[in-house]
C-alpha atoms as a PDB file:
ATOM      1  CA  MET A   1      12.855  43.878  39.597  1.00  0.00           C
ATOM      2  CA  SER A   2      15.618  41.372  38.798  1.00  0.00           C
ATOM      3  CA  LYS A   3      14.230  39.019  41.463  1.00  0.00           C
ATOM      4  CA  ASN A   4      10.894  38.882  39.618  1.00  0.00           C
ATOM      5  CA  VAL A   5      12.583  37.991  36.334  1.00  0.00           C
ATOM      6  CA  PHE A   6      14.465  35.082  37.872  1.00  0.00           C
ATOM      7  CA  LYS A   7      11.273  33.916  39.518  1.00  0.00           C
ATOM      8  CA  TRP A   8       9.655  33.307  36.089  1.00  0.00           C
ATOM      9  CA  VAL A   9      12.656  31.635  34.438  1.00  0.00           C
ATOM     10  CA  PRO A  10      11.990  28.163  35.934  1.00  0.00           C
ATOM     11  CA  ILE A  11       8.331  28.402  34.951  1.00  0.00           C
ATOM     12  CA  ALA A  12       9.225  29.372  31.389  1.00  0.00           C
ATOM     13  CA  LEU A  13      11.752  26.536  31.143  1.00  0.00           C
ATOM     14  CA  LEU A  14       9.189  24.078  32.466  1.00  0.00           C
ATOM     15  CA  ALA A  15       6.633  25.250  29.909  1.00  0.00           C
ATOM     16  CA  LEU A  16       9.161  24.885  27.077  1.00  0.00           C
ATOM     17  CA  ALA A  17      10.167  21.423  28.278  1.00  0.00           C
ATOM     18  CA  CYS A  18       6.538  20.308  28.266  1.00  0.00           C
ATOM     19  CA  HIS A  19       6.062  21.400  24.646  1.00  0.00           C
ATOM     20  CA  ALA A  20       9.350  20.030  23.300  1.00  0.00           C
ATOM     21  CA  PRO A  21       8.270  16.354  23.093  1.00  0.00           C
ATOM     22  CA  HIS A  22       5.058  17.380  21.324  1.00  0.00           C
ATOM     23  CA  ALA A  23       7.006  19.440  18.795  1.00  0.00           C
ATOM     24  CA  ALA A  24       9.452  16.580  18.214  1.00  0.00           C
ATOM     25  CA  ALA A  25       6.584  14.124  17.728  1.00  0.00           C
ATOM     26  CA  GLN A  26       4.927  16.498  15.258  1.00  0.00           C
ATOM     27  CA  THR A  27       8.153  16.812  13.274  1.00  0.00           C
ATOM     28  CA  GLN A  28       8.592  13.038  13.199  1.00  0.00           C
ATOM     29  CA  SER A  29       4.999  12.399  12.097  1.00  0.00           C
ATOM     30  CA  GLN A  30       5.339  15.039   9.359  1.00  0.00           C
ATOM     31  CA  SER A  31       8.545  13.347   8.226  1.00  0.00           C
ATOM     32  CA  LEU A  32       6.829   9.945   8.113  1.00  0.00           C
ATOM     33  CA  ALA A  33       3.869  11.404   6.228  1.00  0.00           C
ATOM     34  CA  GLY A  34       6.225  12.929   3.684  1.00  0.00           C
ATOM     35  CA  ALA A  35       8.035   9.620   3.256  1.00  0.00           C
ATOM     36  CA  SER A  36       4.815   7.703   2.714  1.00  0.00           C
ATOM     37  CA  GLU A  37       3.663  10.279   0.151  1.00  0.00           C
ATOM     38  CA  ARG A  38       6.950   9.871  -1.739  1.00  0.00           C
ATOM     39  CA  LEU A  39       6.581   6.083  -1.658  1.00  0.00           C
ATOM     40  CA  HIS A  40       3.001   6.417  -2.904  1.00  0.00           C
ATOM     41  CA  ALA A  41       4.205   8.647  -5.744  1.00  0.00           C
ATOM     42  CA  ASN A  42       6.843   6.022  -6.632  1.00  0.00           C
ATOM     43  CA  ALA A  43       4.157   3.322  -6.715  1.00  0.00           C
ATOM     44  CA  LEU A  44       2.020   5.440  -9.034  1.00  0.00           C
ATOM     45  CA  ALA A  45       5.053   6.057 -11.254  1.00  0.00           C
ATOM     46  CA  SER A  46       5.516   2.282 -11.526  1.00  0.00           C
ATOM     47  CA  PHE A  47       1.847   1.982 -12.475  1.00  0.00           C
ATOM     48  CA  ARG A  48       2.148   4.668 -15.148  1.00  0.00           C
ATOM     49  CA  GLN A  49       5.175   2.851 -16.599  1.00  0.00           C
ATOM     50  CA  ALA A  50       3.035  -0.317 -16.879  1.00  0.00           C
ATOM     51  CA  ARG A  51       5.059  -2.125 -14.205  1.00  0.00           C
ATOM     52  CA  PHE A  52       1.850  -3.310 -12.627  1.00  0.00           C
ATOM     53  CA  SER A  53       3.215  -6.094 -10.427  1.00  0.00           C
ATOM     54  CA  GLU A  54       5.789  -3.719  -8.977  1.00  0.00           C
ATOM     55  CA  ALA A  55       3.150  -1.040  -8.427  1.00  0.00           C
ATOM     56  CA  TYR A  56       0.803  -3.489  -6.709  1.00  0.00           C
ATOM     57  CA  GLY A  57       3.555  -4.708  -4.403  1.00  0.00           C
ATOM     58  CA  ARG A  58       4.446  -1.155  -3.418  1.00  0.00           C
ATOM     59  CA  LEU A  59       0.815  -0.192  -2.900  1.00  0.00           C
ATOM     60  CA  MET A  60       0.208  -3.325  -0.825  1.00  0.00           C
ATOM     61  CA  ALA A  61       3.062  -2.463   1.520  1.00  0.00           C
ATOM     62  CA  LEU A  62       1.823   1.097   1.968  1.00  0.00           C
ATOM     63  CA  ALA A  63      -1.771  -0.045   2.440  1.00  0.00           C
ATOM     64  CA  ASP A  64      -0.661  -2.572   5.047  1.00  0.00           C
ATOM     65  CA  ALA A  65       1.144   0.290   6.822  1.00  0.00           C
ATOM     66  CA  GLY A  66      -2.110   2.287   6.931  1.00  0.00           C
ATOM     67  CA  HIS A  67      -1.801   4.637   3.931  1.00  0.00           C
ATOM     68  CA  ALA A  68      -5.422   5.224   2.860  1.00  0.00           C
ATOM     69  CA  ARG A  69      -4.858   6.357  -0.737  1.00  0.00           C
ATOM     70  CA  SER A  70      -2.579   3.377  -1.402  1.00  0.00           C
ATOM     71  CA  ALA A  71      -5.193   1.087   0.115  1.00  0.00           C
ATOM     72  CA  GLU A  72      -7.795   2.482  -2.265  1.00  0.00           C
ATOM     73  CA  VAL A  73      -5.636   1.898  -5.351  1.00  0.00           C
ATOM     74  CA  ALA A  74      -4.457  -1.550  -4.186  1.00  0.00           C
ATOM     75  CA  LEU A  75      -8.075  -2.541  -3.576  1.00  0.00           C
ATOM     76  CA  TRP A  76      -9.036  -1.305  -7.047  1.00  0.00           C
ATOM     77  CA  MET A  77      -6.167  -3.245  -8.630  1.00  0.00           C
ATOM     78  CA  TYR A  78      -7.192  -6.378  -6.721  1.00  0.00           C
ATOM     79  CA  MET A  79     -10.821  -6.082  -7.800  1.00  0.00           C
ATOM     80  CA  ASN A  80      -9.931  -5.492 -11.467  1.00  0.00           C
ATOM     81  CA  GLY A  81      -6.876  -7.752 -11.648  1.00  0.00           C
ATOM     82  CA  PRO A  82      -8.105 -10.468 -14.013  1.00  0.00           C
ATOM     83  CA  THR A  83     -10.042  -8.099 -16.266  1.00  0.00           C
ATOM     84  CA  LEU A  84      -7.556  -5.253 -16.675  1.00  0.00           C
ATOM     85  CA  PHE A  85      -4.193  -6.791 -15.861  1.00  0.00           C
ATOM     86  CA  GLY A  86      -4.710 -10.469 -16.647  1.00  0.00           C
ATOM     87  CA  LYS A  87      -3.627 -11.342 -13.098  1.00  0.00           C
ATOM     88  CA  ASP A  88      -5.153 -12.545  -9.879  1.00  0.00           C
ATOM     89  CA  TRP A  89      -3.286 -10.362  -7.401  1.00  0.00           C
ATOM     90  CA  ASP A  90      -2.203 -12.004  -4.155  1.00  0.00           C
ATOM     91  CA  SER A  91      -3.947 -10.831  -1.036  1.00  0.00           C
ATOM     92  CA  SER A  92      -5.582 -12.195   2.079  1.00  0.00           C
ATOM     93  CA  GLN A  93      -9.118 -11.573   3.257  1.00  0.00           C
ATOM     94  CA  GLU A  94      -7.703  -9.718   6.266  1.00  0.00           C
ATOM     95  CA  GLN A  95      -5.754  -7.371   3.994  1.00  0.00           C
ATOM     96  CA  LEU A  96      -8.775  -6.699   1.803  1.00  0.00           C
ATOM     97  CA  THR A  97     -10.913  -5.948   4.841  1.00  0.00           C
ATOM     98  CA  ALA A  98      -8.313  -3.582   6.325  1.00  0.00           C
ATOM     99  CA  TRP A  99      -7.777  -1.806   2.987  1.00  0.00           C
ATOM    100  CA  ALA A 100     -11.517  -1.382   2.478  1.00  0.00           C
ATOM    101  CA  GLN A 101     -11.831   0.095   5.956  1.00  0.00           C
ATOM    102  CA  LEU A 102      -8.998   2.553   5.240  1.00  0.00           C
ATOM    103  CA  ALA A 103     -10.550   3.490   1.890  1.00  0.00           C
ATOM    104  CA  GLY A 104     -14.038   3.819   3.362  1.00  0.00           C
ATOM    105  CA  GLN A 105     -15.453   1.127   1.082  1.00  0.00           C
ATOM    106  CA  PRO A 106     -17.296  -2.116   1.695  1.00  0.00           C
ATOM    107  CA  ALA A 107     -14.942  -5.058   2.081  1.00  0.00           C
ATOM    108  CA  PRO A 108     -14.906  -7.471  -0.848  1.00  0.00           C
ATOM    109  CA  THR A 109     -15.157 -11.163  -0.150  1.00  0.00           C
ATOM    110  CA  MET A 110     -12.598 -13.445  -1.681  1.00  0.00           C
ATOM    111  CA  VAL A 111     -14.122 -16.063  -3.927  1.00  0.00           C
ATOM    112  CA  GLY A 112     -12.369 -19.149  -5.193  1.00  0.00           C
ATOM    113  CA  VAL A 113     -11.948 -19.258  -8.933  1.00  0.00           C
ATOM    114  CA  SER A 114     -11.586 -22.414 -10.970  1.00  0.00           C
ATOM    115  CA  TYR A 115      -9.874 -22.149 -14.273  1.00  0.00           C
ATOM    116  CA  PRO A 116     -10.482 -24.712 -16.980  1.00  0.00           C
ATOM    117  CA  LYS A 117      -7.609 -26.969 -17.853  1.00  0.00           C
ATOM    118  CA  THR A 118      -5.826 -25.898 -20.942  1.00  0.00           C
ATOM    119  CA  VAL A 119      -5.966 -28.464 -23.652  1.00  0.00           C
ATOM    120  CA  VAL A 120      -2.927 -28.502 -25.831  1.00  0.00           C
ATOM    121  CA  ALA A 121      -3.165 -30.298 -29.102  1.00  0.00           C
ATOM    122  CA  PHE A 122      -0.256 -32.570 -29.822  1.00  0.00           C
ATOM    123  CA  ALA A 123       0.538 -33.549 -33.333  1.00  0.00           C
ATOM    124  CA  SER A 124       1.447 -37.153 -33.588  1.00  0.00           C
ATOM    125  CA  ARG A 125       4.204 -38.032 -35.946  1.00  0.00           C
ATOM    126  CA  THR A 126       4.163 -41.330 -37.573  1.00  0.00           C
ATOM    127  CA  ARG A 127       6.803 -42.792 -39.718  1.00  0.00           C
ATOM    128  CA  ARG A 128       5.916 -43.446 -43.239  1.00  0.00           C
ATOM    129  CA  SER A 129       6.547 -46.875 -44.449  1.00  0.00           C
ATOM    130  CA  ALA A 130       9.063 -47.148 -47.154  1.00  0.00           C
ATOM    131  CA  PRO A 131       7.433 -47.924 -50.521  1.00  0.00           C
END
C-alpha cells in the first residue's frame, strides 16, 4: 500500500505546481483591482471637495490605464468642462476615443473653439492745465 501512495505524490505535486502560477496571477490581479478602486475613490473624494482639476487629472490617469468607471467620469467632465467647471479640460482625440470605448459610449469629436478677445477699457488720464 505504501508503494501506491508514493506513486501518486509526484502527480499531486505536478498538479499543484501547474495551479500555483494561476493562483499567484489571480492574487496579483485582485491586488491591482483593489488599488485602482482605491485610486478611483480618491479621485471622487477630490471631486466632492471641489478640487476639480485634481480629480480630472486622477481620473485621466486611471482612464488611460483602462479603468472603465474612471473613463466614464473623465469623459463626462471633459464634455461638461466649460459649462459646469468653467474649464476646457486637456485631452487628446485618442484619449477621448479610448475612454468612450471603455465606457461603452460613442466617442466625442474634438472641436476647435474660438474665444472672443477680451476688451479691457483703459481710462486715460490727462493732466489738467493749471488755471
